[in-house]
Structures are given as structure tokens and as C-alpha cells.
Amino acid sequence: MKPDSTTHALSVNRRAFLTQSAYGIGGMAFASLLNDGQAGVAGAMTKPHLPVKAKRVIFLCMAGGPSHLETFDWKPKLKELDGKAFPESFTKGQQLAQLQGAELKARGAFCGFQKWGQSGQEISELFPHIGSIADDLCIVRSMQTEQINHDTAHAFMNTGSIIKGRPSMGSWLLYGLGCETSDLPGFVVLTSAGKTGQQPVSARQWSAGILPSKYQGIQFQAKGQPVHYLGSPEGVCQSTQRQVVEEIQRLNGMLVQEKLDPEIQTRIAQYEMAFKMQSSVPELTDMKSEPQHILDLYGVKEPGDGSFASNCLLARRLAERGTRMIQLYHRAWDHHGGIEEGMKTSAADVDRATAALIKDLKQRGMLDDTLILWGGEFGRTPMGQGTGRDHHILAFNVFMAGGGVKPGFSYGATDELGYRAVEDVVHVHDLHTTMLHLLGIDHKRLTVKYQGLDVRLTGVAGNLVKKLIA
């Protein structure tokens, strides 16, 4: 329908009013942001679909694929078979990674297991600190995924898809729920690395994909200044910088009237966020207020030293300040060879700090509404690969804690050799469905329209695992 002259005149007058006002749309957006204060940033959902058990997620991502057979899945039969031919009945016609066509020999766990806590959950002796909080853990021993290579498996775990451009889980949460802070990002990513088994992790794992880019994860540097160029340039005072930001906002506001582009709105919001972070980030990372016994609890030798321990403590501080999604990658678990030494050092890197984070949240009354997820992108083969194990998609373990999950509980099982999940199988889509449910989200209702399709985190799949919920 062609607009008439009256419509055109009204449009011009409206545009003139908005762009020629004292501050334009940029000023209005700025004023709105200022008025938000500590109220946080609203999400697309006007109210939760379901009762809310968790308000935030901390994903402790063990990048590289830790062996379930040396963590949470004790298999005495595999130990008995160590060094002998692996039964062909398990592997015939199955997809393997680098072991395809090789002579397959069983590799039993090199470490012992024991039962921990009143719940008696079996956990590797490599993780005594995690064992000490067994009664807080909900261990899923029957995970399966679809992707056998690292990058696509990470993408599947983070976005529910291997298609580039799909939003990450943190972006979905920020889009749907918003966050409780207006001066820190709602989705923050930190990385650390062990001595061995270091697989690269690409930034697409915390991308907003088809969502506006304001929902993407913001990577903080684990060493030194967490955010580059955080301070004002020499000779530029804060009041001058405030004026610059206001003028940029005004110009961006004028551009909004020319183009209906959500990225312009993102730009307006992110300029303001960057200005606020000049004050909020130094306060966040200043650990002087942390007592020595808390630093010792986590095993932090030097705050900001790039360690997983330091990142865990920073994760707690982010959670306290209203960040919705915090993701900590520890790149240390790709043990195709040297698994004995590699697993020992990797476990030592994360064991104390993981347990400390859960204990610390619990003593602060935050564990009840903070959902912790610990795990990698897939498992490892019960067949040996030299001195290590290959990638494996038919069986792996994760654990959760807090946020409404059942504590001191183990769910699902693999076969007697740890090759395949056979009891109460949990697909990655099922895990996502259950996590969203705990956050008050019906996974089928959190969607965005893209190229004629309703895109969602769980694709066209996903079943709620009710038994994991307290």
C-alpha cells in the first residue's frame, strides 16, 4: 500500500521531532539506561513460564572431553579386561574418531574410586574435594551427544546445533530473562589452561548468533586487566568522556530513525555499558576484600593469575552482582596420550576450586538459586589409544549442583564396560530442556523467528528429565 501525502507529512514531522530534540533518541536511550540503575536489564519474557528454581548458571566447562572412566563412572569389568581385546560386539559398525579400523584393546581406569558422603556416590580418588561435597551433587552418568570432534561438539553443547549462527545457551538466557545488573555484562566467559590436553576454544561458542549481538558472551581476560582499554586515555577526564558518550548516543539515536536495525540499539546500550564498566570491573576484580580463608578455600595463590581457581572466585563475585550466565573453560582434557599424568594434573587444577565454589555459594545462601553445571563436550573411549583414550559420543558424565536439582543423586548408567549409556539416557537436548525448566523457561516457548522458522535452543527435540529435579 502506497502511503498518502498526509502519512508522509506525519512521518517527517515525527522524525524531525525525534532527531531535533535536545538529545534525540540517543539521549532518550541514555536517560532510560540511567533510570534502570541497579534494576537490571529486562528480557523478552514478561514473566516466567514455570516456577523459577534457578536465577543464574555457572557452567564449568572441562574443554577437551574428560574421561568419564576416570571421573564418575567406575567400571570394575573394564579394569579386569585391561590390555585385552575389546569385545567386537560393542563396537561393530559404530562411529569412532581416530580409532576407526585400529586394533581395539580395553583400557581400565588407572585410578581408584570410592563412595563419598551419606549418598555413597562413587567418584574417582583424583577428585577428593569434589568427593567431599558428593551430597550436594546430581551426577548424570548417561549423557550422549551427536558430535565427535571438539569444535562441533562444543557448539552442540552450547547451542544445541552445529549450524553456525545459532545462539549460545547464555545468549538465550540473557535474551529471555535479562539480567539483574546494568553495569556488568549479563554473560561473561573466562578461560584457563592446564599443562596438557589443551584444545582451542573458538569465540563462536559464546556467540549470540541470530540474536542481536548485545546478547553475546563477553570474554574477560583471566590474566592482568580483564577488559582491554578499560581506563580513560591519558588527559581525558571522566566528565569529558561522559560528554563524548552522550554525543555518540545522540548520533546513534538519529541513525535509529533511518534504519530499523537492532545492532544500532545494541551499539547504544554497549557504549553505555562500556562507560559503566570503567568503574564496575575494577571493583569486581579487586580481591582485597576477600579474606585469606576464602582465598585458601579456592586455592588461589594470586588473584588474577589466570588459574581456574582465580576464575572460580571471580565467578562467585559475578554471580553476586547479578550476571546471568558465567562460563569457565578449562582447556586441559584432550588426553589421546599420557592420560595418567594428564588426568592427575587436570584434576588437581579444578578439584579444590570446583568444590570451593559450591561450598562458598552454599554458605552465602546462593546455591539454592544458582545452577552449577560441570562437564565436557563428550567422553573418552573405554578402548586405549596409545597411552590415552579417543573421543567418544555414546557415553559421558556431567554433574549439576544447586538451582533446584536433586542433591546426593546419581542418574542413569552405562553398560558394564562404559561404552554406551543404556539406562535413562540423557541427550544434550534433554539436558538443555531440564536446565531451562529450572530457570522458569518452557524450552518450546523461548523462540525467535528466523528465515521462516521458530529457532530454539533445543531444536525440534528435548525431553524434561523430571527425576533430576528436587
Protein backbone atom coordinates (compact mmCIF):
# COMPACT_ATOMS: atom_id res chain seq x y z
CA MET A 1 0.00 0.00 0.00
CA LYS A 2 1.43 3.38 -1.08
CA PRO A 3 1.40 5.98 1.74
CA ASP A 4 -0.51 9.21 1.03
CA SER A 5 0.88 12.72 1.49
CA THR A 6 -0.66 13.06 4.95
CA THR A 7 1.09 9.92 6.16
CA HIS A 8 4.36 11.16 4.70
CA ALA A 9 3.99 14.55 6.40
CA LEU A 10 3.28 12.94 9.75
CA SER A 11 6.34 10.73 9.30
CA VAL A 12 8.54 13.72 8.53
CA ASN A 13 7.20 15.70 11.49
CA ARG A 14 7.72 12.72 13.81
CA ARG A 15 11.27 12.25 12.56
CA ALA A 16 12.01 15.95 12.92
CA PHE A 17 10.73 15.92 16.50
CA LEU A 18 12.77 12.89 17.48
CA THR A 19 16.01 13.87 15.77
CA GLN A 20 15.93 17.58 16.55
CA SER A 21 15.05 17.25 20.22
CA ALA A 22 17.77 18.30 22.63
CA TYR A 23 19.29 14.81 22.84
CA GLY A 24 17.39 12.81 20.20
CA ILE A 25 16.78 9.09 20.59
CA GLY A 26 20.33 8.64 21.91
CA GLY A 27 19.53 10.92 24.82
CA MET A 28 16.28 9.09 25.46
CA ALA A 29 18.06 5.76 25.41
CA PHE A 30 20.74 7.18 27.69
CA ALA A 31 18.13 8.52 30.10
CA SER A 32 16.38 5.16 30.10
CA LEU A 33 19.62 3.38 30.85
CA LEU A 34 20.37 5.77 33.67
CA ASN A 35 16.94 5.25 35.16
CA ASP A 36 17.48 1.48 35.13
CA GLY A 37 20.23 1.86 37.74
CA GLN A 38 20.64 -1.43 39.53
CA ALA A 39 17.26 -2.69 38.41
CA GLY A 40 18.97 -4.71 35.72
CA VAL A 41 18.06 -5.33 32.11
CA ALA A 42 14.71 -6.84 31.16
CA GLY A 43 14.42 -9.86 28.89
CA ALA A 44 11.96 -10.79 26.15
CA MET A 45 9.86 -12.86 28.57
CA THR A 46 7.45 -10.66 30.50
CA LYS A 47 7.09 -13.36 33.15
CA PRO A 48 8.46 -16.89 33.71
CA HIS A 49 6.67 -19.77 32.02
CA LEU A 50 7.26 -22.01 35.04
CA PRO A 51 8.17 -21.77 38.74
CA VAL A 52 11.72 -20.39 38.99
CA LYS A 53 14.23 -22.53 40.88
CA ALA A 54 17.47 -21.09 39.44
CA LYS A 55 18.26 -17.45 38.67
CA ARG A 56 21.70 -17.89 37.15
CA VAL A 57 24.01 -20.54 35.67
CA ILE A 58 27.72 -21.17 36.17
CA PHE A 59 28.96 -23.62 33.55
CA LEU A 60 32.34 -25.15 34.46
CA CYS A 61 33.28 -26.44 31.02
CA MET A 62 36.02 -29.06 31.03
CA ALA A 63 37.14 -28.43 27.46
CA GLY A 64 38.64 -31.39 25.63
CA GLY A 65 36.39 -34.15 26.93
CA PRO A 66 37.35 -35.58 30.33
CA SER A 67 37.28 -39.36 30.60
CA HIS A 68 34.13 -40.48 32.38
CA LEU A 69 36.03 -43.66 33.23
CA GLU A 70 38.44 -41.75 35.49
CA THR A 71 35.91 -39.30 36.94
CA PHE A 72 32.41 -40.59 37.83
CA ASP A 73 31.89 -43.95 36.08
CA TRP A 74 33.65 -46.80 37.87
CA LYS A 75 33.78 -49.98 35.73
CA PRO A 76 35.40 -52.95 37.51
CA LYS A 77 34.72 -55.24 34.50
CA LEU A 78 36.73 -52.89 32.28
CA LYS A 79 39.55 -52.99 34.81
CA GLU A 80 39.53 -56.81 34.65
CA LEU A 81 39.72 -56.64 30.85
CA ASP A 82 42.61 -54.14 30.82
CA GLY A 83 45.06 -54.79 27.96
CA LYS A 84 42.89 -57.48 26.37
CA ALA A 85 40.92 -57.32 23.11
CA PHE A 86 37.84 -55.16 23.40
CA PRO A 87 34.68 -57.16 22.54
CA GLU A 88 33.71 -56.52 18.92
CA SER A 89 30.03 -56.85 19.84
CA PHE A 90 30.22 -53.38 21.39
CA THR A 91 31.94 -51.56 18.53
CA LYS A 92 30.94 -53.25 15.27
CA GLY A 93 29.52 -50.68 12.86
CA GLN A 94 29.97 -47.85 15.35
CA GLN A 95 31.46 -44.43 14.67
CA LEU A 96 34.88 -43.96 16.22
CA ALA A 97 37.18 -41.00 15.88
CA GLN A 98 40.86 -41.82 15.39
CA LEU A 99 40.46 -45.49 16.37
CA GLN A 100 38.40 -46.40 13.29
CA GLY A 101 39.90 -49.60 11.86
CA ALA A 102 42.53 -49.94 14.62
CA GLU A 103 43.06 -52.96 16.87
CA LEU A 104 40.95 -52.21 19.92
CA LYS A 105 42.18 -53.08 23.39
CA ALA A 106 40.43 -52.39 26.67
CA ARG A 107 41.89 -49.76 28.99
CA GLY A 108 40.77 -49.92 32.59
CA ALA A 109 40.81 -46.91 34.88
CA PHE A 110 44.29 -46.22 36.23
CA CYS A 111 42.86 -44.69 39.42
CA GLY A 112 40.69 -45.95 42.24
CA PHE A 113 37.14 -44.96 43.10
CA GLN A 114 35.39 -44.69 46.43
CA LYS A 115 31.96 -43.94 47.79
CA TRP A 116 31.58 -40.46 49.25
CA GLY A 117 29.17 -38.89 51.73
CA GLN A 118 25.89 -40.22 53.03
CA SER A 119 24.68 -40.63 49.46
CA GLY A 120 27.56 -43.02 48.72
CA GLN A 121 28.16 -41.64 45.24
CA GLU A 122 31.14 -43.26 43.50
CA ILE A 123 33.72 -40.66 42.50
CA SER A 124 37.32 -41.04 41.40
CA GLU A 125 40.03 -40.63 44.01
CA LEU A 126 41.52 -37.99 41.70
CA PHE A 127 38.77 -35.65 42.96
CA PRO A 128 38.79 -35.78 46.78
CA HIS A 129 37.44 -32.24 47.20
CA ILE A 130 34.55 -32.85 44.80
CA GLY A 131 34.03 -36.14 46.61
CA SER A 132 33.70 -34.25 49.87
CA ILE A 133 30.59 -32.47 48.51
CA ALA A 134 29.05 -35.60 46.97
CA ASP A 135 25.83 -34.99 48.91
CA ASP A 136 25.35 -31.71 47.02
CA LEU A 137 25.89 -33.23 43.57
CA CYS A 138 23.44 -34.52 41.00
CA ILE A 139 25.55 -36.77 38.75
CA VAL A 140 24.28 -37.77 35.31
CA ARG A 141 26.12 -40.90 34.17
CA SER A 142 24.19 -41.49 30.95
CA MET A 143 24.91 -38.49 28.73
CA GLN A 144 25.12 -38.81 24.94
CA THR A 145 25.92 -36.30 22.22
CA GLU A 146 25.97 -36.29 18.42
CA GLN A 147 29.33 -34.72 17.57
CA ILE A 148 32.68 -36.49 17.76
CA ASN A 149 35.03 -33.54 17.04
CA HIS A 150 35.83 -30.84 19.55
CA ASP A 151 34.60 -27.64 17.93
CA THR A 152 31.29 -29.07 16.71
CA ALA A 153 30.78 -30.93 20.00
CA HIS A 154 31.31 -27.69 21.92
CA ALA A 155 28.87 -25.97 19.58
CA PHE A 156 26.32 -28.71 20.16
CA MET A 157 26.73 -28.47 23.94
CA ASN A 158 26.50 -24.66 23.87
CA THR A 159 23.92 -24.01 21.13
CA GLY A 160 22.12 -27.33 20.57
CA SER A 161 23.25 -27.24 16.95
CA ILE A 162 26.34 -27.40 14.75
CA ILE A 163 24.88 -24.81 12.37
CA LYS A 164 26.85 -21.58 12.61
CA GLY A 165 24.78 -18.63 13.72
CA ARG A 166 22.80 -20.41 16.42
CA PRO A 167 22.72 -18.56 19.76
CA SER A 168 24.61 -19.99 22.70
CA MET A 169 22.83 -21.07 25.86
CA GLY A 170 24.00 -17.96 27.71
CA SER A 171 22.68 -15.73 24.94
CA TRP A 172 19.29 -17.45 25.09
CA LEU A 173 19.14 -16.87 28.85
CA LEU A 174 20.10 -13.23 28.53
CA TYR A 175 17.60 -12.72 25.71
CA GLY A 176 14.75 -14.44 27.54
CA LEU A 177 15.36 -13.43 31.15
CA GLY A 178 17.55 -10.34 31.03
CA CYS A 179 19.89 -9.88 33.99
CA GLU A 180 19.99 -8.28 37.41
CA THR A 181 22.91 -5.97 36.66
CA SER A 182 23.15 -2.91 34.46
CA ASP A 183 26.84 -2.14 35.00
CA LEU A 184 28.35 -5.55 34.17
CA PRO A 185 27.72 -7.88 31.23
CA GLY A 186 24.95 -10.42 31.74
CA PHE A 187 27.00 -13.20 30.11
CA VAL A 188 30.71 -13.48 30.94
CA VAL A 189 33.29 -16.05 29.74
CA LEU A 190 36.66 -16.85 31.33
CA THR A 191 39.27 -19.35 30.19
CA SER A 192 42.19 -21.14 31.80
CA ALA A 193 44.53 -23.89 30.66
CA GLY A 194 46.25 -26.92 32.13
CA LYS A 195 49.67 -28.32 31.32
CA THR A 196 48.43 -30.85 28.75
CA GLY A 197 45.39 -31.68 26.64
CA GLN A 198 44.83 -28.08 25.56
CA GLN A 199 42.22 -27.84 22.82
CA PRO A 200 41.47 -24.40 21.36
CA VAL A 201 38.01 -22.96 22.07
CA SER A 202 36.57 -20.58 19.48
CA ALA A 203 34.61 -17.44 20.30
CA ARG A 204 31.60 -18.79 18.39
CA GLN A 205 30.89 -20.91 21.47
CA TRP A 206 29.53 -17.81 23.25
CA SER A 207 28.12 -16.07 20.18
CA ALA A 208 24.63 -14.55 20.11
CA GLY A 209 24.18 -15.94 16.60
CA ILE A 210 20.93 -14.75 15.05
CA LEU A 211 20.06 -12.75 18.18
CA PRO A 212 21.24 -9.12 18.45
CA SER A 213 24.91 -9.03 19.40
CA LYS A 214 24.19 -7.39 22.77
CA TYR A 215 23.29 -10.89 23.98
CA GLN A 216 26.67 -12.44 23.19
CA GLY A 217 29.09 -13.53 25.88
CA ILE A 218 31.85 -11.11 26.84
CA GLN A 219 35.23 -12.75 27.33
CA PHE A 220 37.20 -11.41 30.27
CA GLN A 221 40.96 -11.89 30.22
CA ALA A 222 41.99 -14.24 33.03
CA LYS A 223 45.38 -12.51 33.48
CA GLY A 224 46.04 -8.84 34.05
CA GLN A 225 43.35 -6.35 33.12
CA PRO A 226 40.15 -8.36 32.50
CA VAL A 227 38.97 -5.95 29.79
CA HIS A 228 41.27 -4.20 27.31
CA TYR A 229 41.32 -0.38 27.17
CA LEU A 230 39.20 -0.12 30.30
CA GLY A 231 40.79 3.06 31.57
CA SER A 232 40.36 6.52 30.09
CA PRO A 233 43.08 7.74 27.73
CA GLU A 234 45.71 9.98 29.29
CA GLY A 235 44.43 13.53 29.60
CA VAL A 236 40.75 12.58 29.24
CA CYS A 237 38.71 13.03 32.40
CA GLN A 238 35.52 11.12 33.12
CA SER A 239 33.25 14.13 32.60
CA THR A 240 34.72 14.69 29.13
CA GLN A 241 34.26 11.03 28.32
CA ARG A 242 30.66 11.26 29.54
CA GLN A 243 30.06 14.08 27.06
CA VAL A 244 31.56 12.03 24.24
CA VAL A 245 29.35 9.07 25.09
CA GLU A 246 26.24 11.28 25.18
CA GLU A 247 27.02 12.76 21.78
CA ILE A 248 27.64 9.32 20.27
CA GLN A 249 24.35 8.16 21.74
CA ARG A 250 22.60 11.14 20.16
CA LEU A 251 24.06 10.38 16.73
CA ASN A 252 23.18 6.70 17.04
CA GLY A 253 19.67 7.75 18.02
CA MET A 254 19.37 9.75 14.79
CA LEU A 255 20.51 6.67 12.87
CA VAL A 256 17.79 4.58 14.51
CA GLN A 257 15.24 6.76 12.70
CA GLU A 258 16.84 5.98 9.35
CA LYS A 259 17.20 2.22 9.81
CA LEU A 260 15.31 -0.40 11.76
CA ASP A 261 18.48 -2.22 12.77
CA PRO A 262 18.72 -3.90 16.21
CA GLU A 263 22.50 -3.58 16.05
CA ILE A 264 22.15 0.20 16.41
CA GLN A 265 20.19 -0.33 19.63
CA THR A 266 22.96 -2.71 20.67
CA ARG A 267 25.54 -0.03 19.98
CA ILE A 268 23.63 2.48 22.13
CA ALA A 269 23.41 0.00 25.02
CA GLN A 270 27.03 -1.17 24.73
CA TYR A 271 28.53 2.32 24.74
CA GLU A 272 26.74 2.97 28.00
CA MET A 273 27.79 -0.44 29.36
CA ALA A 274 31.44 0.23 28.47
CA PHE A 275 31.32 3.56 30.33
CA LYS A 276 29.84 1.93 33.44
CA MET A 277 32.37 -0.93 33.32
CA GLN A 278 35.19 1.54 33.85
CA SER A 279 34.01 1.67 37.46
CA SER A 280 32.35 -1.72 37.94
CA VAL A 281 35.08 -4.01 36.56
CA PRO A 282 37.96 -2.72 38.74
CA GLU A 283 35.71 -3.10 41.78
CA LEU A 284 34.73 -6.61 40.64
CA THR A 285 38.32 -7.79 40.23
CA ASP A 286 39.74 -6.14 43.35
CA MET A 287 40.09 -9.15 45.64
CA LYS A 288 41.44 -7.20 48.63
CA SER A 289 38.09 -7.58 50.35
CA GLU A 290 38.30 -11.38 50.17
CA PRO A 291 39.57 -12.84 53.47
CA GLN A 292 42.54 -15.17 53.39
CA HIS A 293 40.47 -18.20 54.37
CA ILE A 294 38.35 -17.74 51.22
CA LEU A 295 41.46 -17.49 49.03
CA ASP A 296 42.76 -20.65 50.71
CA LEU A 297 39.42 -22.40 50.24
CA TYR A 298 39.65 -21.92 46.48
CA GLY A 299 43.39 -22.50 46.35
CA VAL A 300 44.02 -19.04 44.89
CA LYS A 301 47.72 -18.22 45.08
CA GLU A 302 47.46 -14.86 43.34
CA PRO A 303 44.11 -13.34 42.34
CA GLY A 304 44.01 -12.70 38.60
CA ASP A 305 46.82 -15.17 37.85
CA GLY A 306 44.84 -16.86 35.06
CA SER A 307 44.17 -20.03 37.05
CA PHE A 308 40.90 -21.93 37.17
CA ALA A 309 40.86 -21.27 40.92
CA SER A 310 41.03 -17.50 40.45
CA ASN A 311 38.34 -17.70 37.77
CA CYS A 312 36.04 -19.64 40.11
CA LEU A 313 36.34 -16.95 42.76
CA LEU A 314 35.64 -14.29 40.13
CA ALA A 315 32.60 -16.33 39.02
CA ARG A 316 31.18 -16.13 42.54
CA ARG A 317 31.72 -12.36 42.57
CA LEU A 318 29.98 -12.02 39.20
CA ALA A 319 27.07 -14.13 40.43
CA GLU A 320 26.72 -11.87 43.48
CA ARG A 321 26.50 -8.84 41.20
CA GLY A 322 23.71 -10.18 39.01
CA THR A 323 25.44 -11.72 35.98
CA ARG A 324 23.04 -14.27 34.47
CA MET A 325 25.45 -16.71 32.79
CA ILE A 326 29.08 -17.32 33.73
CA GLN A 327 31.08 -19.81 31.72
CA LEU A 328 34.52 -21.03 32.76
CA TYR A 329 36.50 -23.05 30.23
CA HIS A 330 39.42 -25.10 31.48
CA ARG A 331 41.37 -26.39 28.48
CA ALA A 332 43.12 -29.49 29.79
CA TRP A 333 41.25 -32.70 28.98
CA ASP A 334 42.12 -33.91 25.46
CA HIS A 335 44.13 -36.94 26.52
CA HIS A 336 44.82 -39.02 23.44
CA GLY A 337 48.10 -39.89 25.12
CA GLY A 338 49.66 -39.56 28.56
CA ILE A 339 46.31 -39.84 30.25
CA GLU A 340 47.68 -40.87 33.65
CA GLU A 341 49.83 -37.80 34.13
CA GLY A 342 47.41 -35.57 32.23
CA MET A 343 44.35 -36.53 34.25
CA LYS A 344 46.21 -36.15 37.53
CA THR A 345 47.31 -32.59 36.77
CA SER A 346 43.97 -31.60 35.22
CA ALA A 347 42.06 -32.94 38.21
CA ALA A 348 44.38 -31.08 40.58
CA ASP A 349 43.73 -27.87 38.62
CA VAL A 350 39.96 -27.97 39.13
CA ASP A 351 39.12 -30.22 42.08
CA ARG A 352 39.62 -27.84 45.00
CA ALA A 353 38.23 -24.76 43.28
CA THR A 354 35.11 -26.51 41.98
CA ALA A 355 34.25 -27.78 45.45
CA ALA A 356 35.11 -24.38 46.95
CA LEU A 357 32.74 -22.55 44.60
CA ILE A 358 29.86 -24.82 45.60
CA LYS A 359 30.70 -24.57 49.30
CA ASP A 360 31.09 -20.80 49.10
CA LEU A 361 27.77 -20.30 47.31
CA LYS A 362 26.10 -22.59 49.82
CA GLN A 363 27.41 -20.72 52.87
CA ARG A 364 26.25 -17.43 51.32
CA GLY A 365 22.75 -18.77 50.68
CA MET A 366 23.23 -18.55 46.90
CA LEU A 367 23.47 -22.21 45.91
CA ASP A 368 19.71 -22.71 46.05
CA ASP A 369 19.17 -20.35 43.11
CA THR A 370 22.48 -20.84 41.29
CA LEU A 371 22.70 -23.79 38.91
CA ILE A 372 26.20 -25.25 38.56
CA LEU A 373 26.98 -27.47 35.55
CA TRP A 374 30.32 -29.31 35.36
CA GLY A 375 31.37 -31.37 32.34
CA GLY A 376 32.90 -31.53 28.90
CA GLU A 377 31.71 -31.85 25.32
CA PHE A 378 31.92 -35.68 25.18
CA GLY A 379 33.56 -38.65 26.90
CA ARG A 380 36.52 -40.94 26.10
CA THR A 381 36.66 -44.46 24.77
CA PRO A 382 36.99 -47.47 27.09
CA MET A 383 39.46 -48.68 24.47
CA GLY A 384 43.00 -47.41 24.71
CA GLN A 385 44.69 -45.13 22.18
CA GLY A 386 48.39 -45.48 22.84
CA THR A 387 48.74 -44.13 26.37
CA GLY A 388 45.41 -42.33 26.27
CA ARG A 389 41.80 -42.52 25.10
CA ASP A 390 39.98 -41.34 21.96
CA HIS A 391 36.86 -39.15 21.67
CA HIS A 392 33.56 -40.85 22.50
CA ILE A 393 29.94 -39.71 22.00
CA LEU A 394 27.89 -42.65 23.29
CA ALA A 395 28.73 -42.13 26.96
CA PHE A 396 29.91 -39.29 29.16
CA ASN A 397 29.15 -37.78 32.55
CA VAL A 398 28.23 -34.34 33.86
CA PHE A 399 27.17 -33.17 37.27
CA MET A 400 24.96 -30.34 38.46
CA ALA A 401 24.54 -28.72 41.85
CA GLY A 402 22.14 -26.19 43.36
CA GLY A 403 19.45 -24.45 41.34
CA GLY A 404 16.70 -26.92 42.13
CA VAL A 405 18.41 -30.20 41.16
CA LYS A 406 18.22 -33.26 43.38
CA PRO A 407 21.30 -33.37 45.67
CA GLY A 408 23.23 -36.52 46.52
CA PHE A 409 21.74 -38.26 43.50
CA SER A 410 23.07 -40.32 40.61
CA TYR A 411 21.04 -40.78 37.44
CA GLY A 412 21.45 -43.19 34.53
CA ALA A 413 24.11 -45.76 33.77
CA THR A 414 26.37 -47.06 31.05
CA ASP A 415 26.96 -50.70 30.16
CA GLU A 416 29.44 -52.80 32.14
CA LEU A 417 32.40 -51.52 30.08
CA GLY A 418 31.36 -47.87 29.97
CA TYR A 419 30.94 -47.89 26.19
CA ARG A 420 27.30 -46.84 25.83
CA ALA A 421 24.68 -45.16 28.01
CA VAL A 422 21.98 -47.79 28.42
CA GLU A 423 19.83 -46.72 31.37
CA ASP A 424 17.88 -43.42 31.49
CA VAL A 425 19.81 -41.96 28.56
CA VAL A 426 20.09 -38.15 28.64
CA HIS A 427 20.71 -36.40 25.34
CA VAL A 428 22.26 -32.91 25.25
CA HIS A 429 18.83 -31.56 24.19
CA ASP A 430 17.32 -33.18 27.30
CA LEU A 431 19.94 -31.51 29.48
CA HIS A 432 19.15 -28.11 27.93
CA THR A 433 15.41 -28.69 28.36
CA THR A 434 15.86 -29.51 32.04
CA MET A 435 18.17 -26.56 32.70
CA LEU A 436 15.74 -24.14 31.06
CA HIS A 437 12.90 -25.64 33.10
CA LEU A 438 14.81 -24.92 36.31
CA LEU A 439 15.19 -21.31 35.15
CA GLY A 440 11.44 -21.00 34.66
CA ILE A 441 11.53 -21.42 30.87
CA ASP A 442 9.47 -23.78 28.73
CA HIS A 443 12.01 -24.70 26.05
CA LYS A 444 9.31 -24.81 23.35
CA ARG A 445 8.21 -21.25 24.06
CA LEU A 446 11.56 -19.44 24.05
CA THR A 447 11.95 -18.98 20.28
CA VAL A 448 12.93 -16.42 17.67
CA LYS A 449 11.68 -16.31 14.09
CA TYR A 450 14.49 -16.75 11.56
CA GLN A 451 14.12 -17.49 7.85
CA GLY A 452 10.56 -18.61 8.44
CA LEU A 453 11.42 -21.00 11.27
CA ASP A 454 10.94 -20.80 15.03
CA VAL A 455 14.51 -21.30 16.25
CA ARG A 456 15.09 -22.51 19.78
CA LEU A 457 17.96 -23.89 21.89
CA THR A 458 16.61 -27.45 21.77
CA GLY A 459 15.82 -27.54 18.05
CA VAL A 460 12.92 -29.93 17.46
CA ALA A 461 13.89 -32.23 20.34
CA GLY A 462 14.36 -32.19 24.09
CA ASN A 463 12.61 -34.01 26.93
CA LEU A 464 12.37 -32.85 30.53
CA VAL A 465 14.23 -35.19 32.90
CA LYS A 466 11.89 -34.86 35.88
CA LYS A 467 13.88 -37.17 38.14
CA LEU A 468 16.78 -34.68 38.21
CA ILE A 469 14.60 -32.02 39.82
CA ALA A 470 14.33 -31.81 43.60
